């Protein structure tokens, strides 16, 4: 009898929880909106400065496309890879989720390594001119977000070591890491278009 009462109470708590939105996800979405506004301000300032200068980028600060294009392919591909991890956990495949999340983390680190390599070979620095200043601030700020995303993914992998921590019915942390990673990907597509593609025209 007591077990039945406890079971009913437990189901009541679970049902009550499902009646309300998950405020962790809501908090993440609010955070990403605020980050979008910060990036939006950077994009607007960059476009304004570009419009005020006849030559853009200034002579001596041209950007190369090879490494950034490879980086872009890696980052866009990683969004598909991390989604496979989310699909796996929804099927109660924790090992599958771990595999895809490890691959995503590795791709994120490769992206960051490519960005460091690019910085070391550009031939100009943060203070060279207004374009280089914008370039380093925008790509560096995005790189910081990629690093945070990698740490989030590693956090998910660390917590997944505990049996039953993530499952088909309990995977909020996995989903939040994926949402954040997609955000990082979308921001990079915009940055790549502004800083690399449009500077050719």
Protein backbone atom coordinates (compact mmCIF):
# COMPACT_ATOMS: atom_id res chain seq x y z
CA UNK A 1 0.00 0.00 0.00
CA UNK A 2 2.79 2.37 0.96
CA UNK A 3 4.67 1.53 -2.24
CA UNK A 4 1.55 2.34 -4.26
CA UNK A 5 1.16 5.70 -2.52
CA UNK A 6 4.83 6.55 -3.11
CA UNK A 7 4.52 5.52 -6.76
CA UNK A 8 1.48 7.75 -7.20
CA UNK A 9 3.29 10.65 -5.52
CA UNK A 10 6.32 10.14 -7.76
CA UNK A 11 4.15 10.10 -10.88
CA UNK A 12 2.46 13.24 -9.61
CA UNK A 13 5.79 15.03 -9.27
CA UNK A 14 6.83 13.93 -12.77
CA UNK A 15 3.51 14.96 -14.28
CA UNK A 16 3.71 18.30 -12.49
CA UNK A 17 7.22 18.82 -13.88
CA UNK A 18 6.09 18.11 -17.44
CA UNK A 19 3.27 20.63 -17.14
CA UNK A 20 5.78 23.47 -17.00
CA UNK A 21 8.46 24.52 -19.51
CA UNK A 22 12.07 23.64 -18.82
CA UNK A 23 13.46 26.94 -17.59
CA UNK A 24 17.03 25.78 -18.22
CA UNK A 25 16.37 25.72 -21.96
CA UNK A 26 14.48 29.02 -21.70
CA UNK A 27 17.44 30.56 -19.89
CA UNK A 28 19.79 29.35 -22.62
CA UNK A 29 17.58 30.83 -25.33
CA UNK A 30 17.46 34.19 -23.53
CA UNK A 31 21.25 34.09 -23.22
CA UNK A 32 21.63 33.34 -26.94
CA UNK A 33 19.31 36.20 -27.80
CA UNK A 34 21.50 38.55 -25.78
CA UNK A 35 24.60 37.18 -27.51
CA UNK A 36 22.90 37.66 -30.88
CA UNK A 37 22.40 41.31 -30.03
CA UNK A 38 26.09 41.68 -29.17
CA UNK A 39 27.14 40.08 -32.45
CA UNK A 40 24.50 42.15 -34.25
CA UNK A 41 26.11 45.31 -32.87
CA UNK A 42 29.51 44.15 -34.13
CA UNK A 43 28.07 43.36 -37.56
CA UNK A 44 26.36 46.75 -37.77
CA UNK A 45 29.54 48.61 -36.75
CA UNK A 46 31.57 46.66 -39.28
CA UNK A 47 29.14 47.43 -42.12
CA UNK A 48 29.05 51.10 -41.14
CA UNK A 49 32.85 51.35 -41.17
CA UNK A 50 32.98 49.54 -44.47
CA UNK A 51 30.53 52.03 -45.95
CA UNK A 52 32.60 54.98 -44.75
CA UNK A 53 35.82 53.75 -46.36
CA UNK A 54 36.38 53.76 -50.11
CA UNK A 55 38.91 50.92 -50.02
CA UNK A 56 37.88 47.91 -47.98
CA UNK A 57 39.83 46.18 -46.70
CA UNK A 58 42.68 48.71 -46.69
CA UNK A 59 45.77 47.85 -48.68
CA UNK A 60 47.96 45.28 -47.00
CA UNK A 61 45.16 43.59 -45.03
CA UNK A 62 43.66 41.25 -47.58
CA UNK A 63 42.25 37.97 -46.27
CA UNK A 64 43.01 34.52 -47.64
CA UNK A 65 40.18 32.08 -48.25
CA UNK A 66 41.77 28.63 -48.07
CA UNK A 67 42.05 28.06 -44.30
CA UNK A 68 38.81 29.91 -43.44
CA UNK A 69 36.92 27.90 -46.08
CA UNK A 70 38.24 24.64 -44.65
CA UNK A 71 37.30 25.87 -41.18
CA UNK A 72 33.82 26.75 -42.41
CA UNK A 73 33.30 23.29 -43.88
CA UNK A 74 34.46 21.73 -40.61
CA UNK A 75 32.16 23.87 -38.47
CA UNK A 76 29.09 23.43 -40.67
CA UNK A 77 29.71 19.67 -40.79
CA UNK A 78 30.02 19.57 -37.01
CA UNK A 79 26.44 20.82 -36.69
CA UNK A 80 25.26 17.69 -38.49
CA UNK A 81 27.56 15.53 -36.39
CA UNK A 82 26.28 16.88 -33.07
CA UNK A 83 22.70 16.40 -34.28
CA UNK A 84 23.43 12.70 -34.75
CA UNK A 85 24.38 12.64 -31.07
CA UNK A 86 21.04 14.17 -30.13
CA UNK A 87 19.22 11.61 -32.29
CA UNK A 88 21.19 8.81 -30.62
CA UNK A 89 20.29 9.84 -27.06
CA UNK A 90 16.61 10.07 -28.00
CA UNK A 91 16.92 6.39 -28.89
CA UNK A 92 18.54 5.66 -25.51
CA UNK A 93 21.87 5.12 -27.26
CA UNK A 94 24.24 6.78 -24.78
CA UNK A 95 27.34 5.31 -26.40
CA UNK A 96 26.23 6.63 -29.78
CA UNK A 97 25.69 10.07 -28.30
CA UNK A 98 29.11 9.98 -26.71
CA UNK A 99 30.75 9.01 -30.01
CA UNK A 100 29.15 11.85 -31.98
CA UNK A 101 29.83 14.39 -29.23
CA UNK A 102 33.49 13.40 -29.05
CA UNK A 103 33.78 13.89 -32.81
CA UNK A 104 32.08 17.30 -32.54
CA UNK A 105 34.46 18.40 -29.78
CA UNK A 106 37.42 17.31 -31.91
CA UNK A 107 36.08 19.25 -34.91
CA UNK A 108 35.68 22.33 -32.70
CA UNK A 109 39.29 22.06 -31.57
CA UNK A 110 40.45 21.66 -35.18
CA UNK A 111 38.50 24.81 -36.05
CA UNK A 112 40.25 26.72 -33.25
CA UNK A 113 43.64 25.39 -34.35
CA UNK A 114 42.89 26.59 -37.87
CA UNK A 115 41.99 30.01 -36.53
CA UNK A 116 45.25 30.24 -34.58
CA UNK A 117 47.18 29.18 -37.67
CA UNK A 118 45.43 31.91 -39.66
CA UNK A 119 46.27 34.53 -37.04
CA UNK A 120 49.93 33.56 -37.13
CA UNK A 121 50.12 33.88 -40.91
CA UNK A 122 48.02 36.96 -41.67
CA UNK A 123 50.90 39.40 -41.64
CA UNK A 124 48.97 42.10 -39.79
CA UNK A 125 47.83 42.61 -36.23
CA UNK A 126 45.00 43.99 -34.16
CA UNK A 127 46.17 47.60 -34.43
CA UNK A 128 47.24 47.68 -38.08
CA UNK A 129 44.08 49.49 -39.23
CA UNK A 130 40.34 49.62 -38.64
CA UNK A 131 39.68 46.52 -40.74
CA UNK A 132 42.21 44.40 -38.88
CA UNK A 133 40.78 45.64 -35.60
CA UNK A 134 37.27 44.56 -36.64
CA UNK A 135 38.60 41.28 -38.01
CA UNK A 136 40.40 40.23 -34.85
CA UNK A 137 37.65 41.37 -32.48
CA UNK A 138 34.86 39.62 -34.38
CA UNK A 139 36.66 36.37 -35.13
CA UNK A 140 38.26 36.31 -31.68
CA UNK A 141 34.90 36.83 -29.96
CA UNK A 142 33.43 34.03 -32.04
CA UNK A 143 36.44 31.82 -31.29
CA UNK A 144 35.77 32.33 -27.59
CA UNK A 145 32.23 31.07 -28.15
CA UNK A 146 33.55 28.02 -29.98
CA UNK A 147 35.82 27.28 -27.02
CA UNK A 148 32.88 27.60 -24.63
CA UNK A 149 30.88 25.27 -26.87
CA UNK A 150 33.66 22.67 -26.79
CA UNK A 151 33.77 22.91 -22.99
CA UNK A 152 29.98 22.43 -22.83
CA UNK A 153 30.26 19.33 -25.00
CA UNK A 154 33.07 17.98 -22.82
CA UNK A 155 30.88 18.68 -19.78
CA UNK A 156 28.09 16.59 -21.30
CA UNK A 157 30.56 13.79 -22.00
CA UNK A 158 31.87 13.93 -18.43
CA UNK A 159 28.38 13.73 -16.94
CA UNK A 160 27.39 10.93 -19.31
CA UNK A 161 29.86 8.64 -17.52
CA UNK A 162 27.26 8.17 -14.80
CA UNK A 163 24.85 5.35 -15.72
CA UNK A 164 21.36 6.66 -16.35
CA UNK A 165 22.35 10.33 -16.23
CA UNK A 166 21.17 10.79 -19.82
CA UNK A 167 18.42 8.80 -21.46
CA UNK A 168 15.64 9.10 -24.04
CA UNK A 169 13.49 10.80 -21.38
CA UNK A 170 16.22 12.86 -19.69
CA UNK A 171 18.62 14.62 -22.03
CA UNK A 172 18.20 18.36 -21.46
CA UNK A 173 21.95 18.89 -21.10
CA UNK A 174 22.60 17.15 -24.41
CA UNK A 175 19.97 19.27 -26.18
CA UNK A 176 21.30 22.52 -24.69
CA UNK A 177 24.84 21.79 -25.90
CA UNK A 178 23.47 21.11 -29.37
CA UNK A 179 21.43 24.33 -29.45
CA UNK A 180 24.46 26.36 -28.39
CA UNK A 181 26.64 24.69 -31.02
CA UNK A 182 24.14 25.48 -33.79
CA UNK A 183 24.17 29.11 -32.65
CA UNK A 184 27.97 29.23 -32.93
CA UNK A 185 27.69 27.74 -36.41
CA UNK A 186 25.13 30.28 -37.64
CA UNK A 187 27.19 33.20 -36.31
CA UNK A 188 30.27 31.91 -38.12
CA UNK A 189 28.38 31.66 -41.43
CA UNK A 190 27.50 35.35 -41.10
CA UNK A 191 31.08 36.26 -40.13
CA UNK A 192 32.55 34.25 -42.99
CA UNK A 193 30.23 36.01 -45.43
CA UNK A 194 31.05 39.50 -44.12
CA UNK A 195 34.78 39.16 -43.54
CA UNK A 196 35.85 36.81 -46.30
CA UNK A 197 33.30 36.62 -49.11
CA UNK A 198 32.08 40.23 -49.32
CA UNK A 199 35.60 41.66 -49.04
CA UNK A 200 36.18 40.20 -52.50
CA UNK A 201 33.52 42.49 -54.00
